[in-house]
Amino acid sequence: PIKLPPLRERQEDIPLLAAHFLDKYTKRFNKKIMG
């Protein structure tokens, strides 16, 4: 079993995840948002 804490308890992961999703959706919608 692997218990993963909720996102609110892993604040250090939020910038990396946010950057990943930003890259994903800027490519999908052809936007030039850098950060």
PDB file of all heavy atoms in Angstrom:
ATOM      1  N   PRO A   1       0.828  -1.214   0.000  1.00  0.00           N
ATOM      2  CA  PRO A   1       0.000   0.000   0.000  1.00  0.00           C
ATOM      3  C   PRO A   1       0.860   1.262   0.000  1.00  0.00           C
ATOM      4  O   PRO A   1       1.897   1.327   0.667  1.00  0.00           O
ATOM      5  CB  PRO A   1      -0.798  -0.117   1.304  1.00  0.00           C
ATOM      6  CG  PRO A   1       0.063  -0.944   2.195  1.00  0.00           C
ATOM      7  CD  PRO A   1       0.807  -1.907   1.300  1.00  0.00           C
ATOM      8  N   ILE A   2       0.437   2.237  -0.768  1.00  0.00           N
ATOM      9  CA  ILE A   2       1.113   3.536  -0.818  1.00  0.00           C
ATOM     10  C   ILE A   2       0.065   4.600  -0.519  1.00  0.00           C
ATOM     11  O   ILE A   2      -0.886   4.769  -1.285  1.00  0.00           O
ATOM     12  CB  ILE A   2       1.742   3.805  -2.197  1.00  0.00           C
ATOM     13  CG1 ILE A   2       2.761   2.718  -2.534  1.00  0.00           C
ATOM     14  CG2 ILE A   2       2.394   5.181  -2.226  1.00  0.00           C
ATOM     15  CD1 ILE A   2       3.327   2.824  -3.935  1.00  0.00           C
ATOM     16  N   LYS A   3       0.228   5.287   0.590  1.00  0.00           N
ATOM     17  CA  LYS A   3      -0.712   6.337   0.966  1.00  0.00           C
ATOM     18  C   LYS A   3      -0.148   7.692   0.549  1.00  0.00           C
ATOM     19  O   LYS A   3       0.909   8.103   1.009  1.00  0.00           O
ATOM     20  CB  LYS A   3      -0.983   6.300   2.476  1.00  0.00           C
ATOM     21  CG  LYS A   3      -1.739   5.053   2.922  1.00  0.00           C
ATOM     22  CD  LYS A   3      -2.104   5.119   4.402  1.00  0.00           C
ATOM     23  CE  LYS A   3      -2.904   3.877   4.807  1.00  0.00           C
ATOM     24  NZ  LYS A   3      -3.297   3.910   6.235  1.00  0.00           N
ATOM     25  N   LEU A   4      -0.863   8.344  -0.345  1.00  0.00           N
ATOM     26  CA  LEU A   4      -0.424   9.637  -0.863  1.00  0.00           C
ATOM     27  C   LEU A   4      -1.176  10.749  -0.130  1.00  0.00           C
ATOM     28  O   LEU A   4      -2.403  10.786  -0.165  1.00  0.00           O
ATOM     29  CB  LEU A   4      -0.705   9.718  -2.361  1.00  0.00           C
ATOM     30  CG  LEU A   4      -0.123  10.902  -3.107  1.00  0.00           C
ATOM     31  CD1 LEU A   4       1.390  10.861  -3.071  1.00  0.00           C
ATOM     32  CD2 LEU A   4      -0.610  10.908  -4.549  1.00  0.00           C
ATOM     33  N   PRO A   5      -0.475  11.643   0.542  1.00  0.00           N
ATOM     34  CA  PRO A   5      -1.155  12.733   1.258  1.00  0.00           C
ATOM     35  C   PRO A   5      -1.907  13.629   0.284  1.00  0.00           C
ATOM     36  O   PRO A   5      -1.551  13.726  -0.898  1.00  0.00           O
ATOM     37  CB  PRO A   5       0.003  13.499   1.923  1.00  0.00           C
ATOM     38  CG  PRO A   5       1.153  12.557   1.915  1.00  0.00           C
ATOM     39  CD  PRO A   5       0.981  11.697   0.706  1.00  0.00           C
ATOM     40  N   PRO A   6      -2.959  14.310   0.735  1.00  0.00           N
ATOM     41  CA  PRO A   6      -3.685  15.241  -0.140  1.00  0.00           C
ATOM     42  C   PRO A   6      -2.773  16.377  -0.594  1.00  0.00           C
ATOM     43  O   PRO A   6      -1.761  16.686   0.049  1.00  0.00           O
ATOM     44  CB  PRO A   6      -4.825  15.750   0.745  1.00  0.00           C
ATOM     45  CG  PRO A   6      -4.374  15.498   2.147  1.00  0.00           C
ATOM     46  CD  PRO A   6      -3.534  14.269   2.089  1.00  0.00           C
ATOM     47  N   LEU A   7      -3.129  17.007  -1.693  1.00  0.00           N
ATOM     48  CA  LEU A   7      -2.281  18.035  -2.297  1.00  0.00           C
ATOM     49  C   LEU A   7      -2.016  19.186  -1.331  1.00  0.00           C
ATOM     50  O   LEU A   7      -0.932  19.770  -1.344  1.00  0.00           O
ATOM     51  CB  LEU A   7      -2.936  18.555  -3.580  1.00  0.00           C
ATOM     52  CG  LEU A   7      -2.119  19.522  -4.430  1.00  0.00           C
ATOM     53  CD1 LEU A   7      -0.803  18.895  -4.854  1.00  0.00           C
ATOM     54  CD2 LEU A   7      -2.916  19.958  -5.646  1.00  0.00           C
ATOM     55  N   ARG A   8      -2.987  19.526  -0.498  1.00  0.00           N
ATOM     56  CA  ARG A   8      -2.798  20.646   0.429  1.00  0.00           C
ATOM     57  C   ARG A   8      -1.681  20.382   1.439  1.00  0.00           C
ATOM     58  O   ARG A   8      -1.183  21.313   2.069  1.00  0.00           O
ATOM     59  CB  ARG A   8      -4.104  20.952   1.160  1.00  0.00           C
ATOM     60  CG  ARG A   8      -4.643  19.824   2.003  1.00  0.00           C
ATOM     61  CD  ARG A   8      -5.944  20.203   2.687  1.00  0.00           C
ATOM     62  NE  ARG A   8      -6.562  19.081   3.363  1.00  0.00           N
ATOM     63  CZ  ARG A   8      -7.391  18.230   2.806  1.00  0.00           C
ATOM     64  NH1 ARG A   8      -7.707  18.367   1.529  1.00  0.00           N
ATOM     65  NH2 ARG A   8      -7.924  17.239   3.490  1.00  0.00           N
ATOM     66  N   GLU A   9      -1.317  19.101   1.613  1.00  0.00           N
ATOM     67  CA  GLU A   9      -0.219  18.757   2.513  1.00  0.00           C
ATOM     68  C   GLU A   9       1.098  18.590   1.768  1.00  0.00           C
ATOM     69  O   GLU A   9       2.110  18.211   2.365  1.00  0.00           O
ATOM     70  CB  GLU A   9      -0.557  17.471   3.279  1.00  0.00           C
ATOM     71  CG  GLU A   9      -1.761  17.601   4.197  1.00  0.00           C
ATOM     72  CD  GLU A   9      -2.100  16.314   4.907  1.00  0.00           C
ATOM     73  OE1 GLU A   9      -1.284  15.363   4.840  1.00  0.00           O
ATOM     74  OE2 GLU A   9      -3.179  16.234   5.527  1.00  0.00           O
ATOM     75  N   ARG A  10       1.081  18.860   0.466  1.00  0.00           N
ATOM     76  CA  ARG A  10       2.302  18.736  -0.346  1.00  0.00           C
ATOM     77  C   ARG A  10       2.503  20.014  -1.155  1.00  0.00           C
ATOM     78  O   ARG A  10       2.580  19.986  -2.376  1.00  0.00           O
ATOM     79  CB  ARG A  10       2.189  17.528  -1.277  1.00  0.00           C
ATOM     80  CG  ARG A  10       2.094  16.195  -0.553  1.00  0.00           C
ATOM     81  CD  ARG A  10       2.024  15.029  -1.533  1.00  0.00           C
ATOM     82  NE  ARG A  10       0.733  14.927  -2.181  1.00  0.00           N
ATOM     83  CZ  ARG A  10       0.546  14.890  -3.498  1.00  0.00           C
ATOM     84  NH1 ARG A  10       1.580  15.000  -4.312  1.00  0.00           N
ATOM     85  NH2 ARG A  10      -0.663  14.772  -3.998  1.00  0.00           N
ATOM     86  N   GLN A  11       2.564  21.136  -0.474  1.00  0.00           N
ATOM     87  CA  GLN A  11       2.660  22.418  -1.157  1.00  0.00           C
ATOM     88  C   GLN A  11       3.878  22.497  -2.068  1.00  0.00           C
ATOM     89  O   GLN A  11       3.852  23.198  -3.082  1.00  0.00           O
ATOM     90  CB  GLN A  11       2.689  23.553  -0.143  1.00  0.00           C
ATOM     91  CG  GLN A  11       1.364  23.784   0.570  1.00  0.00           C
ATOM     92  CD  GLN A  11       1.381  25.050   1.404  1.00  0.00           C
ATOM     93  OE1 GLN A  11       2.421  25.699   1.553  1.00  0.00           O
ATOM     94  NE2 GLN A  11       0.237  25.411   1.953  1.00  0.00           N
ATOM     95  N   GLU A  12       4.943  21.782  -1.706  1.00  0.00           N
ATOM     96  CA  GLU A  12       6.152  21.849  -2.531  1.00  0.00           C
ATOM     97  C   GLU A  12       5.938  21.238  -3.910  1.00  0.00           C
ATOM     98  O   GLU A  12       6.715  21.503  -4.845  1.00  0.00           O
ATOM     99  CB  GLU A  12       7.311  21.139  -1.821  1.00  0.00           C
ATOM    100  CG  GLU A  12       7.154  19.625  -1.660  1.00  0.00           C
ATOM    101  CD  GLU A  12       6.298  19.208  -0.489  1.00  0.00           C
ATOM    102  OE1 GLU A  12       5.739  20.107   0.187  1.00  0.00           O
ATOM    103  OE2 GLU A  12       6.198  17.992  -0.239  1.00  0.00           O
ATOM    104  N   ASP A  13       4.894  20.419  -4.076  1.00  0.00           N
ATOM    105  CA  ASP A  13       4.608  19.803  -5.375  1.00  0.00           C
ATOM    106  C   ASP A  13       3.781  20.701  -6.285  1.00  0.00           C
ATOM    107  O   ASP A  13       3.725  20.480  -7.499  1.00  0.00           O
ATOM    108  CB  ASP A  13       3.851  18.474  -5.181  1.00  0.00           C
ATOM    109  CG  ASP A  13       4.714  17.402  -4.550  1.00  0.00           C
ATOM    110  OD1 ASP A  13       5.939  17.582  -4.520  1.00  0.00           O
ATOM    111  OD2 ASP A  13       4.161  16.389  -4.086  1.00  0.00           O
ATOM    112  N   ILE A  14       3.114  21.701  -5.703  1.00  0.00           N
ATOM    113  CA  ILE A  14       2.167  22.508  -6.477  1.00  0.00           C
ATOM    114  C   ILE A  14       2.840  23.281  -7.617  1.00  0.00           C
ATOM    115  O   ILE A  14       2.340  23.268  -8.753  1.00  0.00           O
ATOM    116  CB  ILE A  14       1.377  23.443  -5.544  1.00  0.00           C
ATOM    117  CG1 ILE A  14       0.447  22.599  -4.656  1.00  0.00           C
ATOM    118  CG2 ILE A  14       0.575  24.468  -6.343  1.00  0.00           C
ATOM    119  CD1 ILE A  14      -0.307  23.396  -3.608  1.00  0.00           C
ATOM    120  N   PRO A  15       3.977  23.967  -7.399  1.00  0.00           N
ATOM    121  CA  PRO A  15       4.600  24.690  -8.524  1.00  0.00           C
ATOM    122  C   PRO A  15       4.964  23.763  -9.691  1.00  0.00           C
ATOM    123  O   PRO A  15       4.774  24.130 -10.861  1.00  0.00           O
ATOM    124  CB  PRO A  15       5.851  25.315  -7.892  1.00  0.00           C
ATOM    125  CG  PRO A  15       5.501  25.459  -6.452  1.00  0.00           C
ATOM    126  CD  PRO A  15       4.665  24.264  -6.118  1.00  0.00           C
ATOM    127  N   LEU A  16       5.479  22.568  -9.394  1.00  0.00           N
ATOM    128  CA  LEU A  16       5.847  21.631 -10.461  1.00  0.00           C
ATOM    129  C   LEU A  16       4.617  21.140 -11.213  1.00  0.00           C
ATOM    130  O   LEU A  16       4.616  21.075 -12.448  1.00  0.00           O
ATOM    131  CB  LEU A  16       6.614  20.444  -9.868  1.00  0.00           C
ATOM    132  CG  LEU A  16       8.002  20.739  -9.298  1.00  0.00           C
ATOM    133  CD1 LEU A  16       8.556  19.509  -8.601  1.00  0.00           C
ATOM    134  CD2 LEU A  16       8.951  21.188 -10.412  1.00  0.00           C
ATOM    135  N   LEU A  17       3.569  20.803 -10.480  1.00  0.00           N
ATOM    136  CA  LEU A  17       2.346  20.329 -11.117  1.00  0.00           C
ATOM    137  C   LEU A  17       1.696  21.444 -11.929  1.00  0.00           C
ATOM    138  O   LEU A  17       1.233  21.218 -13.051  1.00  0.00           O
ATOM    139  CB  LEU A  17       1.372  19.818 -10.051  1.00  0.00           C
ATOM    140  CG  LEU A  17       1.744  18.497  -9.377  1.00  0.00           C
ATOM    141  CD1 LEU A  17       0.890  18.273  -8.142  1.00  0.00           C
ATOM    142  CD2 LEU A  17       1.592  17.336 -10.349  1.00  0.00           C
ATOM    143  N   ALA A  18       1.663  22.641 -11.365  1.00  0.00           N
ATOM    144  CA  ALA A  18       1.061  23.772 -12.076  1.00  0.00           C
ATOM    145  C   ALA A  18       1.814  24.060 -13.377  1.00  0.00           C
ATOM    146  O   ALA A  18       1.207  24.307 -14.425  1.00  0.00           O
ATOM    147  CB  ALA A  18       1.051  25.009 -11.178  1.00  0.00           C
ATOM    148  N   ALA A  19       3.146  24.007 -13.321  1.00  0.00           N
ATOM    149  CA  ALA A  19       3.953  24.236 -14.532  1.00  0.00           C
ATOM    150  C   ALA A  19       3.687  23.150 -15.570  1.00  0.00           C
ATOM    151  O   ALA A  19       3.627  23.432 -16.776  1.00  0.00           O
ATOM    152  CB  ALA A  19       5.434  24.277 -14.159  1.00  0.00           C
ATOM    153  N   HIS A  20       3.544  21.914 -15.109  1.00  0.00           N
ATOM    154  CA  HIS A  20       3.260  20.805 -16.025  1.00  0.00           C
ATOM    155  C   HIS A  20       1.921  21.012 -16.725  1.00  0.00           C
ATOM    156  O   HIS A  20       1.828  20.881 -17.956  1.00  0.00           O
ATOM    157  CB  HIS A  20       3.242  19.486 -15.254  1.00  0.00           C
ATOM    158  CG  HIS A  20       2.674  18.335 -16.034  1.00  0.00           C
ATOM    159  ND1 HIS A  20       3.335  17.755 -17.105  1.00  0.00           N
ATOM    160  CD2 HIS A  20       1.485  17.679 -15.915  1.00  0.00           C
ATOM    161  CE1 HIS A  20       2.577  16.785 -17.609  1.00  0.00           C
ATOM    162  NE2 HIS A  20       1.464  16.724 -16.904  1.00  0.00           N
ATOM    163  N   PHE A  21       0.888  21.356 -15.969  1.00  0.00           N
ATOM    164  CA  PHE A  21      -0.436  21.547 -16.559  1.00  0.00           C
ATOM    165  C   PHE A  21      -0.473  22.788 -17.444  1.00  0.00           C
ATOM    166  O   PHE A  21      -1.166  22.809 -18.469  1.00  0.00           O
ATOM    167  CB  PHE A  21      -1.496  21.640 -15.466  1.00  0.00           C
ATOM    168  CG  PHE A  21      -1.684  20.356 -14.699  1.00  0.00           C
ATOM    169  CD1 PHE A  21      -1.766  20.360 -13.311  1.00  0.00           C
ATOM    170  CD2 PHE A  21      -1.769  19.143 -15.361  1.00  0.00           C
ATOM    171  CE1 PHE A  21      -1.931  19.176 -12.610  1.00  0.00           C
ATOM    172  CE2 PHE A  21      -1.926  17.954 -14.668  1.00  0.00           C
ATOM    173  CZ  PHE A  21      -2.009  17.972 -13.286  1.00  0.00           C
ATOM    174  N   LEU A  22       0.280  23.811 -17.063  1.00  0.00           N
ATOM    175  CA  LEU A  22       0.343  25.017 -17.902  1.00  0.00           C
ATOM    176  C   LEU A  22       0.957  24.680 -19.251  1.00  0.00           C
ATOM    177  O   LEU A  22       0.450  25.097 -20.308  1.00  0.00           O
ATOM    178  CB  LEU A  22       1.162  26.098 -17.199  1.00  0.00           C
ATOM    179  CG  LEU A  22       1.323  27.406 -17.979  1.00  0.00           C
ATOM    180  CD1 LEU A  22      -0.024  28.089 -18.158  1.00  0.00           C
ATOM    181  CD2 LEU A  22       2.303  28.341 -17.261  1.00  0.00           C
ATOM    182  N   ASP A  23       2.043  23.918 -19.245  1.00  0.00           N
ATOM    183  CA  ASP A  23       2.679  23.505 -20.505  1.00  0.00           C
ATOM    184  C   ASP A  23       1.726  22.662 -21.348  1.00  0.00           C
ATOM    185  O   ASP A  23       1.630  22.841 -22.563  1.00  0.00           O
ATOM    186  CB  ASP A  23       3.953  22.714 -20.191  1.00  0.00           C
ATOM    187  CG  ASP A  23       4.664  22.247 -21.439  1.00  0.00           C
ATOM    188  OD1 ASP A  23       5.156  23.105 -22.195  1.00  0.00           O
ATOM    189  OD2 ASP A  23       4.719  21.024 -21.669  1.00  0.00           O
ATOM    190  N   LYS A  24       0.992  21.774 -20.684  1.00  0.00           N
ATOM    191  CA  LYS A  24       0.052  20.895 -21.379  1.00  0.00           C
ATOM    192  C   LYS A  24      -1.039  21.677 -22.095  1.00  0.00           C
ATOM    193  O   LYS A  24      -1.329  21.433 -23.279  1.00  0.00           O
ATOM    194  CB  LYS A  24      -0.565  19.927 -20.371  1.00  0.00           C
ATOM    195  CG  LYS A  24      -1.660  19.036 -20.928  1.00  0.00           C
ATOM    196  CD  LYS A  24      -2.226  18.121 -19.846  1.00  0.00           C
ATOM    197  CE  LYS A  24      -3.375  17.266 -20.364  1.00  0.00           C
ATOM    198  NZ  LYS A  24      -3.908  16.361 -19.289  1.00  0.00           N
ATOM    199  N   TYR A  25      -1.632  22.646 -21.392  1.00  0.00           N
ATOM    200  CA  TYR A  25      -2.792  23.331 -21.959  1.00  0.00           C
ATOM    201  C   TYR A  25      -2.423  24.527 -22.833  1.00  0.00           C
ATOM    202  O   TYR A  25      -3.200  24.911 -23.704  1.00  0.00           O
ATOM    203  CB  TYR A  25      -3.757  23.735 -20.843  1.00  0.00           C
ATOM    204  CG  TYR A  25      -4.441  22.518 -20.258  1.00  0.00           C
ATOM    205  CD1 TYR A  25      -4.129  22.047 -18.995  1.00  0.00           C
ATOM    206  CD2 TYR A  25      -5.368  21.792 -21.011  1.00  0.00           C
ATOM    207  CE1 TYR A  25      -4.737  20.901 -18.483  1.00  0.00           C
ATOM    208  CE2 TYR A  25      -5.982  20.653 -20.504  1.00  0.00           C
ATOM    209  CZ  TYR A  25      -5.664  20.220 -19.252  1.00  0.00           C
ATOM    210  OH  TYR A  25      -6.249  19.080 -18.747  1.00  0.00           O
ATOM    211  N   THR A  26      -1.251  25.108 -22.635  1.00  0.00           N
ATOM    212  CA  THR A  26      -0.833  26.139 -23.581  1.00  0.00           C
ATOM    213  C   THR A  26      -0.549  25.524 -24.956  1.00  0.00           C
ATOM    214  O   THR A  26      -0.837  26.135 -25.991  1.00  0.00           O
ATOM    215  CB  THR A  26       0.428  26.873 -23.081  1.00  0.00           C
ATOM    216  OG1 THR A  26       1.426  25.915 -22.698  1.00  0.00           O
ATOM    217  CG2 THR A  26       0.109  27.767 -21.911  1.00  0.00           C
ATOM    218  N   LYS A  27      -0.020  24.312 -24.960  1.00  0.00           N
ATOM    219  CA  LYS A  27       0.203  23.612 -26.232  1.00  0.00           C
ATOM    220  C   LYS A  27      -1.126  23.207 -26.863  1.00  0.00           C
ATOM    221  O   LYS A  27      -1.311  23.331 -28.078  1.00  0.00           O
ATOM    222  CB  LYS A  27       1.080  22.380 -26.014  1.00  0.00           C
ATOM    223  CG  LYS A  27       2.530  22.705 -25.692  1.00  0.00           C
ATOM    224  CD  LYS A  27       3.337  21.443 -25.425  1.00  0.00           C
ATOM    225  CE  LYS A  27       4.795  21.776 -25.129  1.00  0.00           C
ATOM    226  NZ  LYS A  27       5.595  20.571 -24.765  1.00  0.00           N
ATOM    227  N   ARG A  28      -2.051  22.726 -26.045  1.00  0.00           N
ATOM    228  CA  ARG A  28      -3.343  22.270 -26.585  1.00  0.00           C
ATOM    229  C   ARG A  28      -4.130  23.420 -27.183  1.00  0.00           C
ATOM    230  O   ARG A  28      -4.758  23.270 -28.239  1.00  0.00           O
ATOM    231  CB  ARG A  28      -4.162  21.600 -25.487  1.00  0.00           C
ATOM    232  CG  ARG A  28      -5.570  21.181 -25.933  1.00  0.00           C
ATOM    233  CD  ARG A  28      -6.323  20.439 -24.872  1.00  0.00           C
ATOM    234  NE  ARG A  28      -5.677  19.189 -24.506  1.00  0.00           N
ATOM    235  CZ  ARG A  28      -6.179  18.325 -23.620  1.00  0.00           C
ATOM    236  NH1 ARG A  28      -7.331  18.599 -23.012  1.00  0.00           N
ATOM    237  NH2 ARG A  28      -5.541  17.204 -23.341  1.00  0.00           N
ATOM    238  N   PHE A  29      -4.094  24.595 -26.527  1.00  0.00           N
ATOM    239  CA  PHE A  29      -4.904  25.722 -26.982  1.00  0.00           C
ATOM    240  C   PHE A  29      -4.073  26.776 -27.709  1.00  0.00           C
ATOM    241  O   PHE A  29      -4.557  27.887 -27.953  1.00  0.00           O
ATOM    242  CB  PHE A  29      -5.632  26.353 -25.791  1.00  0.00           C
ATOM    243  CG  PHE A  29      -6.589  25.400 -25.108  1.00  0.00           C
ATOM    244  CD1 PHE A  29      -6.318  24.928 -23.840  1.00  0.00           C
ATOM    245  CD2 PHE A  29      -7.740  24.962 -25.752  1.00  0.00           C
ATOM    246  CE1 PHE A  29      -7.187  24.047 -23.202  1.00  0.00           C
ATOM    247  CE2 PHE A  29      -8.613  24.080 -25.129  1.00  0.00           C
ATOM    248  CZ  PHE A  29      -8.345  23.621 -23.851  1.00  0.00           C
ATOM    249  N   ASN A  30      -2.838  26.426 -28.028  1.00  0.00           N
ATOM    250  CA  ASN A  30      -1.969  27.300 -28.825  1.00  0.00           C
ATOM    251  C   ASN A  30      -1.827  28.684 -28.191  1.00  0.00           C
ATOM    252  O   ASN A  30      -1.996  29.711 -28.845  1.00  0.00           O
ATOM    253  CB  ASN A  30      -2.514  27.419 -30.253  1.00  0.00           C
ATOM    254  CG  ASN A  30      -1.481  27.988 -31.202  1.00  0.00           C
ATOM    255  OD1 ASN A  30      -0.278  27.858 -30.997  1.00  0.00           O
ATOM    256  ND2 ASN A  30      -1.950  28.641 -32.255  1.00  0.00           N
ATOM    257  N   LYS A  31      -1.516  28.702 -26.900  1.00  0.00           N
ATOM    258  CA  LYS A  31      -1.295  29.964 -26.187  1.00  0.00           C
ATOM    259  C   LYS A  31       0.202  30.149 -25.953  1.00  0.00           C
ATOM    260  O   LYS A  31       0.977  29.190 -26.011  1.00  0.00           O
ATOM    261  CB  LYS A  31      -2.029  29.947 -24.841  1.00  0.00           C
ATOM    262  CG  LYS A  31      -3.554  29.893 -24.939  1.00  0.00           C
ATOM    263  CD  LYS A  31      -4.115  31.178 -25.515  1.00  0.00           C
ATOM    264  CE  LYS A  31      -5.623  31.226 -25.458  1.00  0.00           C
ATOM    265  NZ  LYS A  31      -6.149  31.556 -24.122  1.00  0.00           N
ATOM    266  N   LYS A  32       0.601  31.390 -25.655  1.00  0.00           N
ATOM    267  CA  LYS A  32       2.018  31.701 -25.449  1.00  0.00           C
ATOM    268  C   LYS A  32       2.315  32.085 -24.000  1.00  0.00           C
ATOM    269  O   LYS A  32       3.279  32.794 -23.721  1.00  0.00           O
ATOM    270  CB  LYS A  32       2.434  32.837 -26.382  1.00  0.00           C
ATOM    271  CG  LYS A  32       2.320  32.466 -27.864  1.00  0.00           C
ATOM    272  CD  LYS A  32       2.763  33.610 -28.753  1.00  0.00           C
ATOM    273  CE  LYS A  32       2.663  33.220 -30.226  1.00  0.00           C
ATOM    274  NZ  LYS A  32       3.079  34.335 -31.108  1.00  0.00           N
ATOM    275  N   ILE A  33       1.499  31.597 -23.090  1.00  0.00           N
ATOM    276  CA  ILE A  33       1.684  31.908 -21.671  1.00  0.00           C
ATOM    277  C   ILE A  33       2.936  31.187 -21.155  1.00  0.00           C
ATOM    278  O   ILE A  33       3.056  29.968 -21.291  1.00  0.00           O
ATOM    279  CB  ILE A  33       0.457  31.480 -20.856  1.00  0.00           C
ATOM    280  CG1 ILE A  33      -0.810  32.127 -21.443  1.00  0.00           C
ATOM    281  CG2 ILE A  33       0.618  31.857 -19.391  1.00  0.00           C
ATOM    282  CD1 ILE A  33      -2.090  31.584 -20.884  1.00  0.00           C
ATOM    283  N   MET A  34       3.841  31.936 -20.537  1.00  0.00           N
ATOM    284  CA  MET A  34       5.121  31.374 -20.114  1.00  0.00           C
ATOM    285  C   MET A  34       5.155  30.965 -18.640  1.00  0.00           C
ATOM    286  O   MET A  34       6.003  30.185 -18.227  1.00  0.00           O
ATOM    287  CB  MET A  34       6.240  32.386 -20.382  1.00  0.00           C
ATOM    288  CG  MET A  34       6.342  32.806 -21.848  1.00  0.00           C
ATOM    289  SD  MET A  34       6.625  31.385 -22.942  1.00  0.00           S
ATOM    290  CE  MET A  34       8.259  30.904 -22.397  1.00  0.00           C
ATOM    291  N   GLY A  35       4.259  31.536 -17.826  1.00  0.00           N
ATOM    292  CA  GLY A  35       4.316  31.193 -16.406  1.00  0.00           C
ATOM    293  C   GLY A  35       3.246  31.892 -15.600  1.00  0.00           C
ATOM    294  O   GLY A  35       2.255  32.388 -16.137  1.00  0.00           O
TER     295      GLY A  35
END
